[in-house]
Amino acid sequence: MPRRLLINLVLLFCVIGLAVFLGTNKEQEIIEPDVTLTDIYPDSIHRIHIERRDLDDIIFQKQNDHWHMQSPFNLPANPSRIKVMLKLLQAHSYDHFSAPDNDLTPYMLAVPAVSIVLNDTRIAFGDTNPLNKKLRYVLVKDTVHIINDSLFHQLQTSATFFLNQKLIPPGATIKAIHLPELTINNTGNGKISGAHQQIIKAWMHVESVYVGKYEEIEPIDTIKLELTSGEIIEFIILSARPNLILARPDTGIKYHIGNLDSDSLFPTKPKTESVPE
């Protein structure tokens, strides 16, 4: 066998052997488990308490599979906002270490600006990481973790940010609507026009684009919704279409409705035909 061919064969076997060796070691490589903030399952949570140093606390309670804000407003909570808070329990921890015995001030955790208590588990929010401002220090029991900074600022917004954007409670059904133009009774026996059915459906499902705190001003008109439960919800119109704003003085909340949705809440105005001169 020529010497050059022999050398090439030896090199080929060496390459194959190296590939097999690396592949075997890769399969045997130990993969460390993902470190999460807690091992608590989100579905086990039934109470959320946001503690804020310079703002009012916010308290939520789970009631019959629906989340309800108990303070500072007594209204249904926004399920999407609740879901984001519950995801914090299983947030990825990029690094963690035992909390220093002497001082948590360097991490702004000695007197945290905001903490969230999920059942009995408190998560305190500290400063951002100096090397990466997208990461933040949080304290869970006696351990400091570094996680994505995706919730801190939300927890310090107005409490109205966490309210349900729908105008009626979850699972409620409308019995009658008293609009300025007319009253629609939801008979449920087919004795209602298709247009009026669409109005009832719109009120059942409409979501506001913004929920804010109501400040008393002179109303334009009043709307009443009668629910099959017997509850009566009264709205006052603060601003007419297309910039429709409805308020509930009894709860201290106002709802800003989008242009397209606001049109669907009222009967269509008949088109006026031009009269030839």
C-alpha atoms as a PDB file:
ATOM      1  CA  MET A   1       0.000   0.000   0.000  1.00  0.00           C
ATOM      2  CA  PRO A   2       1.428   3.431  -0.946  1.00  0.00           C
ATOM      3  CA  ARG A   3       2.605   5.446   2.029  1.00  0.00           C
ATOM      4  CA  ARG A   4       0.454   8.497   1.178  1.00  0.00           C
ATOM      5  CA  LEU A   5      -2.709   6.375   1.036  1.00  0.00           C
ATOM      6  CA  LEU A   6      -1.848   4.811   4.398  1.00  0.00           C
ATOM      7  CA  ILE A   7      -1.419   8.250   5.984  1.00  0.00           C
ATOM      8  CA  ASN A   8      -4.777   9.410   4.587  1.00  0.00           C
ATOM      9  CA  LEU A   9      -6.522   6.312   5.995  1.00  0.00           C
ATOM     10  CA  VAL A  10      -4.991   6.888   9.441  1.00  0.00           C
ATOM     11  CA  LEU A  11      -6.136  10.525   9.391  1.00  0.00           C
ATOM     12  CA  LEU A  12      -9.650   9.463   8.322  1.00  0.00           C
ATOM     13  CA  PHE A  13      -9.927   6.977  11.220  1.00  0.00           C
ATOM     14  CA  CYS A  14      -8.693   9.638  13.620  1.00  0.00           C
ATOM     15  CA  VAL A  15     -11.386  12.055  12.440  1.00  0.00           C
ATOM     16  CA  ILE A  16     -14.088   9.397  12.756  1.00  0.00           C
ATOM     17  CA  GLY A  17     -12.879   8.437  16.219  1.00  0.00           C
ATOM     18  CA  LEU A  18     -12.861  12.061  17.363  1.00  0.00           C
ATOM     19  CA  ALA A  19     -16.408  12.600  16.081  1.00  0.00           C
ATOM     20  CA  VAL A  20     -17.654   9.501  17.900  1.00  0.00           C
ATOM     21  CA  PHE A  21     -15.900  10.600  21.097  1.00  0.00           C
ATOM     22  CA  LEU A  22     -17.403  14.094  21.011  1.00  0.00           C
ATOM     23  CA  GLY A  23     -20.871  12.769  20.194  1.00  0.00           C
ATOM     24  CA  THR A  24     -20.739  10.300  23.086  1.00  0.00           C
ATOM     25  CA  ASN A  25     -19.652  12.988  25.543  1.00  0.00           C
ATOM     26  CA  LYS A  26     -22.394  15.312  24.319  1.00  0.00           C
ATOM     27  CA  GLU A  27     -25.034  12.686  25.046  1.00  0.00           C
ATOM     28  CA  GLN A  28     -23.603  12.167  28.519  1.00  0.00           C
ATOM     29  CA  GLU A  29     -23.424  15.899  29.269  1.00  0.00           C
ATOM     30  CA  ILE A  30     -25.320  16.785  32.455  1.00  0.00           C
ATOM     31  CA  ILE A  31     -27.994  19.424  31.794  1.00  0.00           C
ATOM     32  CA  GLU A  32     -28.760  21.553  34.806  1.00  0.00           C
ATOM     33  CA  PRO A  33     -32.486  22.038  35.502  1.00  0.00           C
ATOM     34  CA  ASP A  34     -34.034  25.435  34.837  1.00  0.00           C
ATOM     35  CA  VAL A  35     -34.023  27.540  38.001  1.00  0.00           C
ATOM     36  CA  THR A  36     -37.338  29.298  38.618  1.00  0.00           C
ATOM     37  CA  LEU A  37     -38.276  31.893  41.181  1.00  0.00           C
ATOM     38  CA  THR A  38     -40.511  29.446  43.087  1.00  0.00           C
ATOM     39  CA  ASP A  39     -41.902  25.941  42.702  1.00  0.00           C
ATOM     40  CA  ILE A  40     -45.460  27.160  43.324  1.00  0.00           C
ATOM     41  CA  TYR A  41     -48.073  26.340  40.691  1.00  0.00           C
ATOM     42  CA  PRO A  42     -50.067  29.428  39.573  1.00  0.00           C
ATOM     43  CA  ASP A  43     -53.435  27.638  39.816  1.00  0.00           C
ATOM     44  CA  SER A  44     -52.916  27.203  43.554  1.00  0.00           C
ATOM     45  CA  ILE A  45     -53.073  30.969  44.138  1.00  0.00           C
ATOM     46  CA  HIS A  46     -56.360  32.441  45.406  1.00  0.00           C
ATOM     47  CA  ARG A  47     -55.219  35.790  46.823  1.00  0.00           C
ATOM     48  CA  ILE A  48     -52.879  38.497  45.499  1.00  0.00           C
ATOM     49  CA  HIS A  49     -51.764  41.511  47.508  1.00  0.00           C
ATOM     50  CA  ILE A  50     -49.653  44.248  45.886  1.00  0.00           C
ATOM     51  CA  GLU A  51     -47.855  46.267  48.564  1.00  0.00           C
ATOM     52  CA  ARG A  52     -46.657  49.671  47.347  1.00  0.00           C
ATOM     53  CA  ARG A  53     -44.525  52.010  49.424  1.00  0.00           C
ATOM     54  CA  ASP A  54     -45.848  55.293  48.004  1.00  0.00           C
ATOM     55  CA  LEU A  55     -49.223  54.191  46.612  1.00  0.00           C
ATOM     56  CA  ASP A  56     -52.377  52.426  47.767  1.00  0.00           C
ATOM     57  CA  ASP A  57     -52.192  48.660  48.129  1.00  0.00           C
ATOM     58  CA  ILE A  58     -54.177  46.532  45.687  1.00  0.00           C
ATOM     59  CA  ILE A  59     -55.870  43.307  46.785  1.00  0.00           C
ATOM     60  CA  PHE A  60     -57.379  40.592  44.569  1.00  0.00           C
ATOM     61  CA  GLN A  61     -59.368  37.510  45.542  1.00  0.00           C
ATOM     62  CA  LYS A  62     -60.320  34.523  43.398  1.00  0.00           C
ATOM     63  CA  GLN A  63     -64.076  33.887  43.500  1.00  0.00           C
ATOM     64  CA  ASN A  64     -65.693  31.006  41.590  1.00  0.00           C
ATOM     65  CA  ASP A  65     -62.835  30.835  39.055  1.00  0.00           C
ATOM     66  CA  HIS A  66     -62.993  34.616  38.482  1.00  0.00           C
ATOM     67  CA  TRP A  67     -60.610  37.184  39.935  1.00  0.00           C
ATOM     68  CA  HIS A  68     -62.092  40.166  41.749  1.00  0.00           C
ATOM     69  CA  MET A  69     -60.380  43.323  42.989  1.00  0.00           C
ATOM     70  CA  GLN A  70     -61.334  43.938  46.609  1.00  0.00           C
ATOM     71  CA  SER A  71     -59.355  47.131  47.203  1.00  0.00           C
ATOM     72  CA  PRO A  72     -59.174  49.984  46.345  1.00  0.00           C
ATOM     73  CA  PHE A  73     -62.120  49.183  44.012  1.00  0.00           C
ATOM     74  CA  ASN A  74     -64.723  46.457  44.382  1.00  0.00           C
ATOM     75  CA  LEU A  75     -64.933  45.273  40.779  1.00  0.00           C
ATOM     76  CA  PRO A  76     -63.951  42.331  38.536  1.00  0.00           C
ATOM     77  CA  ALA A  77     -60.233  42.176  37.744  1.00  0.00           C
ATOM     78  CA  ASN A  78     -58.660  42.015  34.307  1.00  0.00           C
ATOM     79  CA  PRO A  79     -57.825  38.305  33.733  1.00  0.00           C
ATOM     80  CA  SER A  80     -54.856  39.138  31.481  1.00  0.00           C
ATOM     81  CA  ARG A  81     -53.223  41.286  34.183  1.00  0.00           C
ATOM     82  CA  ILE A  82     -53.767  38.531  36.752  1.00  0.00           C
ATOM     83  CA  LYS A  83     -52.192  35.948  34.445  1.00  0.00           C
ATOM     84  CA  VAL A  84     -49.059  38.067  34.061  1.00  0.00           C
ATOM     85  CA  MET A  85     -48.684  38.380  37.836  1.00  0.00           C
ATOM     86  CA  LEU A  86     -49.137  34.644  38.370  1.00  0.00           C
ATOM     87  CA  LYS A  87     -46.448  33.879  35.763  1.00  0.00           C
ATOM     88  CA  LEU A  88     -43.967  35.593  38.085  1.00  0.00           C
ATOM     89  CA  LEU A  89     -43.980  32.475  40.283  1.00  0.00           C
ATOM     90  CA  GLN A  90     -42.243  30.495  37.559  1.00  0.00           C
ATOM     91  CA  ALA A  91     -40.032  33.255  36.163  1.00  0.00           C
ATOM     92  CA  HIS A  92     -36.555  32.167  35.090  1.00  0.00           C
ATOM     93  CA  SER A  93     -33.826  33.012  37.614  1.00  0.00           C
ATOM     94  CA  TYR A  94     -30.618  33.951  35.799  1.00  0.00           C
ATOM     95  CA  ASP A  95     -28.674  33.939  39.041  1.00  0.00           C
ATOM     96  CA  HIS A  96     -29.401  33.692  42.757  1.00  0.00           C
ATOM     97  CA  PHE A  97     -27.572  33.956  46.062  1.00  0.00           C
ATOM     98  CA  SER A  98     -28.359  33.977  49.756  1.00  0.00           C
ATOM     99  CA  ALA A  99     -29.545  37.343  51.023  1.00  0.00           C
ATOM    100  CA  PRO A 100     -26.758  39.167  52.899  1.00  0.00           C
ATOM    101  CA  ASP A 101     -27.230  39.078  56.672  1.00  0.00           C
ATOM    102  CA  ASN A 102     -26.075  42.640  57.204  1.00  0.00           C
ATOM    103  CA  ASP A 103     -27.608  44.861  54.497  1.00  0.00           C
ATOM    104  CA  LEU A 104     -29.890  44.597  51.466  1.00  0.00           C
ATOM    105  CA  THR A 105     -29.565  48.313  50.671  1.00  0.00           C
ATOM    106  CA  PRO A 106     -27.181  47.841  47.695  1.00  0.00           C
ATOM    107  CA  TYR A 107     -29.980  45.933  45.961  1.00  0.00           C
ATOM    108  CA  MET A 108     -32.716  48.381  47.104  1.00  0.00           C
ATOM    109  CA  LEU A 109     -34.385  45.487  48.912  1.00  0.00           C
ATOM    110  CA  ALA A 110     -34.049  46.769  52.472  1.00  0.00           C
ATOM    111  CA  VAL A 111     -37.219  48.849  52.042  1.00  0.00           C
ATOM    112  CA  PRO A 112     -38.617  47.719  48.672  1.00  0.00           C
ATOM    113  CA  ALA A 113     -40.733  50.101  46.610  1.00  0.00           C
ATOM    114  CA  VAL A 114     -43.155  47.333  45.751  1.00  0.00           C
ATOM    115  CA  SER A 115     -43.799  43.727  46.785  1.00  0.00           C
ATOM    116  CA  ILE A 116     -46.350  41.207  45.616  1.00  0.00           C
ATOM    117  CA  VAL A 117     -47.729  38.587  47.993  1.00  0.00           C
ATOM    118  CA  LEU A 118     -49.235  35.528  46.310  1.00  0.00           C
ATOM    119  CA  ASN A 119     -51.109  33.625  49.036  1.00  0.00           C
ATOM    120  CA  ASP A 120     -48.314  33.648  51.652  1.00  0.00           C
ATOM    121  CA  THR A 121     -45.298  34.010  49.347  1.00  0.00           C
ATOM    122  CA  ARG A 122     -43.837  37.518  49.249  1.00  0.00           C
ATOM    123  CA  ILE A 123     -41.708  38.634  46.288  1.00  0.00           C
ATOM    124  CA  ALA A 124     -40.009  42.001  46.864  1.00  0.00           C
ATOM    125  CA  PHE A 125     -38.673  44.038  43.943  1.00  0.00           C
ATOM    126  CA  GLY A 126     -35.323  45.801  44.196  1.00  0.00           C
ATOM    127  CA  ASP A 127     -32.984  47.665  41.846  1.00  0.00           C
ATOM    128  CA  THR A 128     -32.084  46.795  38.274  1.00  0.00           C
ATOM    129  CA  ASN A 129     -28.865  44.911  37.612  1.00  0.00           C
ATOM    130  CA  PRO A 130     -26.028  47.396  36.907  1.00  0.00           C
ATOM    131  CA  LEU A 131     -24.663  45.197  34.113  1.00  0.00           C
ATOM    132  CA  ASN A 132     -28.021  44.700  32.401  1.00  0.00           C
ATOM    133  CA  LYS A 133     -30.849  47.152  33.028  1.00  0.00           C
ATOM    134  CA  LYS A 134     -33.348  44.651  31.621  1.00  0.00           C
ATOM    135  CA  LEU A 135     -32.787  42.471  34.691  1.00  0.00           C
ATOM    136  CA  ARG A 136     -33.904  43.199  38.270  1.00  0.00           C
ATOM    137  CA  TYR A 137     -33.118  41.931  41.768  1.00  0.00           C
ATOM    138  CA  VAL A 138     -36.004  40.325  43.657  1.00  0.00           C
ATOM    139  CA  LEU A 139     -36.106  38.802  47.127  1.00  0.00           C
ATOM    140  CA  VAL A 140     -37.963  35.567  47.870  1.00  0.00           C
ATOM    141  CA  LYS A 141     -37.670  34.435  51.493  1.00  0.00           C
ATOM    142  CA  ASP A 142     -33.904  34.532  52.158  1.00  0.00           C
ATOM    143  CA  THR A 143     -32.725  34.362  48.534  1.00  0.00           C
ATOM    144  CA  VAL A 144     -31.987  37.172  46.067  1.00  0.00           C
ATOM    145  CA  HIS A 145     -32.741  36.297  42.437  1.00  0.00           C
ATOM    146  CA  ILE A 146     -32.070  38.101  39.163  1.00  0.00           C
ATOM    147  CA  ILE A 147     -35.027  37.963  36.743  1.00  0.00           C
ATOM    148  CA  ASN A 148     -36.356  39.781  33.677  1.00  0.00           C
ATOM    149  CA  ASP A 149     -37.648  43.243  34.551  1.00  0.00           C
ATOM    150  CA  SER A 150     -41.122  42.878  33.026  1.00  0.00           C
ATOM    151  CA  LEU A 151     -43.518  43.495  35.925  1.00  0.00           C
ATOM    152  CA  PHE A 152     -42.054  46.111  38.274  1.00  0.00           C
ATOM    153  CA  HIS A 153     -43.480  49.171  36.506  1.00  0.00           C
ATOM    154  CA  GLN A 154     -46.909  47.580  35.971  1.00  0.00           C
ATOM    155  CA  LEU A 155     -47.234  46.992  39.706  1.00  0.00           C
ATOM    156  CA  GLN A 156     -46.835  50.730  40.305  1.00  0.00           C
ATOM    157  CA  THR A 157     -49.462  51.926  37.843  1.00  0.00           C
ATOM    158  CA  SER A 158     -52.964  53.098  38.750  1.00  0.00           C
ATOM    159  CA  ALA A 159     -55.223  50.448  40.275  1.00  0.00           C
ATOM    160  CA  THR A 160     -57.667  50.972  37.385  1.00  0.00           C
ATOM    161  CA  PHE A 161     -55.062  49.341  35.114  1.00  0.00           C
ATOM    162  CA  PHE A 162     -55.946  46.000  36.754  1.00  0.00           C
ATOM    163  CA  LEU A 163     -59.736  46.267  36.332  1.00  0.00           C
ATOM    164  CA  ASN A 164     -61.750  44.260  33.840  1.00  0.00           C
ATOM    165  CA  GLN A 165     -62.349  46.280  30.673  1.00  0.00           C
ATOM    166  CA  LYS A 166     -65.796  44.766  30.089  1.00  0.00           C
ATOM    167  CA  LEU A 167     -68.846  46.791  31.103  1.00  0.00           C
ATOM    168  CA  ILE A 168     -70.787  43.969  32.767  1.00  0.00           C
ATOM    169  CA  PRO A 169     -69.641  41.291  35.254  1.00  0.00           C
ATOM    170  CA  PRO A 170     -68.300  37.934  33.961  1.00  0.00           C
ATOM    171  CA  GLY A 171     -71.089  35.471  33.206  1.00  0.00           C
ATOM    172  CA  ALA A 172     -73.848  38.096  33.485  1.00  0.00           C
ATOM    173  CA  THR A 173     -76.807  38.179  31.066  1.00  0.00           C
ATOM    174  CA  ILE A 174     -78.726  41.279  30.076  1.00  0.00           C
ATOM    175  CA  LYS A 175     -82.494  41.306  30.602  1.00  0.00           C
ATOM    176  CA  ALA A 176     -83.178  44.824  29.347  1.00  0.00           C
ATOM    177  CA  ILE A 177     -81.317  47.918  28.152  1.00  0.00           C
ATOM    178  CA  HIS A 178     -82.684  51.413  28.701  1.00  0.00           C
ATOM    179  CA  LEU A 179     -80.995  53.680  26.176  1.00  0.00           C
ATOM    180  CA  PRO A 180     -81.717  57.371  25.640  1.00  0.00           C
ATOM    181  CA  GLU A 181     -83.375  56.497  22.323  1.00  0.00           C
ATOM    182  CA  LEU A 182     -85.348  53.398  23.335  1.00  0.00           C
ATOM    183  CA  THR A 183     -85.711  50.429  25.675  1.00  0.00           C
ATOM    184  CA  ILE A 184     -84.794  46.916  24.475  1.00  0.00           C
ATOM    185  CA  ASN A 185     -86.205  43.913  26.351  1.00  0.00           C
ATOM    186  CA  ASN A 186     -84.299  40.682  25.858  1.00  0.00           C
ATOM    187  CA  THR A 187     -87.316  38.357  25.841  1.00  0.00           C
ATOM    188  CA  GLY A 188     -85.369  35.309  24.634  1.00  0.00           C
ATOM    189  CA  ASN A 189     -88.442  34.028  22.754  1.00  0.00           C
ATOM    190  CA  GLY A 190     -87.673  35.432  19.332  1.00  0.00           C
ATOM    191  CA  LYS A 191     -89.849  38.521  19.783  1.00  0.00           C
ATOM    192  CA  ILE A 192     -86.956  40.902  19.242  1.00  0.00           C
ATOM    193  CA  SER A 193     -85.566  42.292  16.017  1.00  0.00           C
ATOM    194  CA  GLY A 194     -82.195  41.237  14.697  1.00  0.00           C
ATOM    195  CA  ALA A 195     -80.859  44.772  15.063  1.00  0.00           C
ATOM    196  CA  HIS A 196     -81.847  44.883  18.733  1.00  0.00           C
ATOM    197  CA  GLN A 197     -80.323  41.452  19.305  1.00  0.00           C
ATOM    198  CA  GLN A 198     -77.038  42.805  17.937  1.00  0.00           C
ATOM    199  CA  ILE A 199     -77.173  45.741  20.358  1.00  0.00           C
ATOM    200  CA  ILE A 200     -77.660  43.412  23.334  1.00  0.00           C
ATOM    201  CA  LYS A 201     -74.824  41.210  22.093  1.00  0.00           C
ATOM    202  CA  ALA A 202     -72.588  44.262  21.735  1.00  0.00           C
ATOM    203  CA  TRP A 203     -73.236  45.352  25.328  1.00  0.00           C
ATOM    204  CA  MET A 204     -72.557  41.802  26.534  1.00  0.00           C
ATOM    205  CA  HIS A 205     -69.113  41.630  24.935  1.00  0.00           C
ATOM    206  CA  VAL A 206     -67.823  45.186  24.497  1.00  0.00           C
ATOM    207  CA  GLU A 207     -64.479  46.012  26.111  1.00  0.00           C
ATOM    208  CA  SER A 208     -63.291  49.524  26.815  1.00  0.00           C
ATOM    209  CA  VAL A 209     -59.947  50.685  25.481  1.00  0.00           C
ATOM    210  CA  TYR A 210     -59.170  52.437  28.752  1.00  0.00           C
ATOM    211  CA  VAL A 211     -60.468  52.246  32.323  1.00  0.00           C
ATOM    212  CA  GLY A 212     -59.937  55.300  34.520  1.00  0.00           C
ATOM    213  CA  LYS A 213     -61.007  56.928  37.738  1.00  0.00           C
ATOM    214  CA  TYR A 214     -64.270  58.888  37.506  1.00  0.00           C
ATOM    215  CA  GLU A 215     -64.286  62.539  38.480  1.00  0.00           C
ATOM    216  CA  GLU A 216     -67.706  64.099  38.835  1.00  0.00           C
ATOM    217  CA  ILE A 217     -68.855  66.220  35.902  1.00  0.00           C
ATOM    218  CA  GLU A 218     -72.264  67.076  34.425  1.00  0.00           C
ATOM    219  CA  PRO A 219     -73.582  64.009  32.536  1.00  0.00           C
ATOM    220  CA  ILE A 220     -75.087  64.136  29.054  1.00  0.00           C
ATOM    221  CA  ASP A 221     -77.565  61.290  29.595  1.00  0.00           C
ATOM    222  CA  THR A 222     -78.124  58.009  31.431  1.00  0.00           C
ATOM    223  CA  ILE A 223     -78.146  54.334  30.413  1.00  0.00           C
ATOM    224  CA  LYS A 224     -79.453  51.479  32.581  1.00  0.00           C
ATOM    225  CA  LEU A 225     -78.762  47.773  32.167  1.00  0.00           C
ATOM    226  CA  GLU A 226     -81.027  45.256  33.876  1.00  0.00           C
ATOM    227  CA  LEU A 227     -79.354  41.889  34.413  1.00  0.00           C
ATOM    228  CA  THR A 228     -81.206  38.586  34.788  1.00  0.00           C
ATOM    229  CA  SER A 229     -79.693  38.357  38.281  1.00  0.00           C
ATOM    230  CA  GLY A 230     -81.781  41.380  39.262  1.00  0.00           C
ATOM    231  CA  GLU A 231     -78.794  43.721  39.414  1.00  0.00           C
ATOM    232  CA  ILE A 232     -79.211  47.107  37.746  1.00  0.00           C
ATOM    233  CA  ILE A 233     -76.111  48.852  36.393  1.00  0.00           C
ATOM    234  CA  GLU A 234     -76.406  52.559  35.691  1.00  0.00           C
ATOM    235  CA  PHE A 235     -74.011  54.366  33.385  1.00  0.00           C
ATOM    236  CA  ILE A 236     -73.865  58.077  32.752  1.00  0.00           C
ATOM    237  CA  ILE A 237     -72.654  59.407  29.412  1.00  0.00           C
ATOM    238  CA  LEU A 238     -69.759  61.823  29.907  1.00  0.00           C
ATOM    239  CA  SER A 239     -68.831  62.177  26.247  1.00  0.00           C
ATOM    240  CA  ALA A 240     -70.943  61.267  23.226  1.00  0.00           C
ATOM    241  CA  ARG A 241     -69.880  59.344  20.163  1.00  0.00           C
ATOM    242  CA  PRO A 242     -67.422  59.029  18.499  1.00  0.00           C
ATOM    243  CA  ASN A 243     -65.398  59.625  21.702  1.00  0.00           C
ATOM    244  CA  LEU A 244     -67.814  57.756  23.940  1.00  0.00           C
ATOM    245  CA  ILE A 245     -67.050  57.795  27.659  1.00  0.00           C
ATOM    246  CA  LEU A 246     -69.347  56.006  30.112  1.00  0.00           C
ATOM    247  CA  ALA A 247     -69.032  56.246  33.886  1.00  0.00           C
ATOM    248  CA  ARG A 248     -70.372  54.413  36.913  1.00  0.00           C
ATOM    249  CA  PRO A 249     -70.597  56.908  39.781  1.00  0.00           C
ATOM    250  CA  ASP A 250     -71.425  54.072  42.189  1.00  0.00           C
ATOM    251  CA  THR A 251     -67.992  52.495  41.612  1.00  0.00           C
ATOM    252  CA  GLY A 252     -65.982  55.615  40.760  1.00  0.00           C
ATOM    253  CA  ILE A 253     -64.910  54.226  37.384  1.00  0.00           C
ATOM    254  CA  LYS A 254     -65.172  55.482  33.799  1.00  0.00           C
ATOM    255  CA  TYR A 255     -64.810  53.548  30.548  1.00  0.00           C
ATOM    256  CA  HIS A 256     -63.485  54.912  27.244  1.00  0.00           C
ATOM    257  CA  ILE A 257     -65.076  53.038  24.324  1.00  0.00           C
ATOM    258  CA  GLY A 258     -63.488  52.698  20.875  1.00  0.00           C
ATOM    259  CA  ASN A 259     -65.208  54.329  17.898  1.00  0.00           C
ATOM    260  CA  LEU A 260     -66.354  51.124  16.184  1.00  0.00           C
ATOM    261  CA  ASP A 261     -67.568  49.545  19.415  1.00  0.00           C
ATOM    262  CA  SER A 262     -69.437  52.666  20.494  1.00  0.00           C
ATOM    263  CA  ASP A 263     -71.505  52.644  17.295  1.00  0.00           C
ATOM    264  CA  SER A 264     -72.573  49.048  17.942  1.00  0.00           C
ATOM    265  CA  LEU A 265     -74.028  49.947  21.377  1.00  0.00           C
ATOM    266  CA  PHE A 266     -76.767  52.166  19.969  1.00  0.00           C
ATOM    267  CA  PRO A 267     -79.406  51.866  17.246  1.00  0.00           C
ATOM    268  CA  THR A 268     -78.332  52.901  13.780  1.00  0.00           C
ATOM    269  CA  LYS A 269     -79.532  56.338  12.873  1.00  0.00           C
ATOM    270  CA  PRO A 270     -81.677  56.329   9.719  1.00  0.00           C
ATOM    271  CA  LYS A 271     -80.080  57.950   6.730  1.00  0.00           C
ATOM    272  CA  THR A 272     -81.729  61.213   5.713  1.00  0.00           C
ATOM    273  CA  GLU A 273     -82.605  61.401   2.066  1.00  0.00           C
ATOM    274  CA  SER A 274     -81.889  64.634   0.285  1.00  0.00           C
ATOM    275  CA  VAL A 275     -85.023  66.357  -0.986  1.00  0.00           C
ATOM    276  CA  PRO A 276     -84.704  67.603  -4.580  1.00  0.00           C
ATOM    277  CA  GLU A 277     -85.183  71.331  -4.902  1.00  0.00           C
END
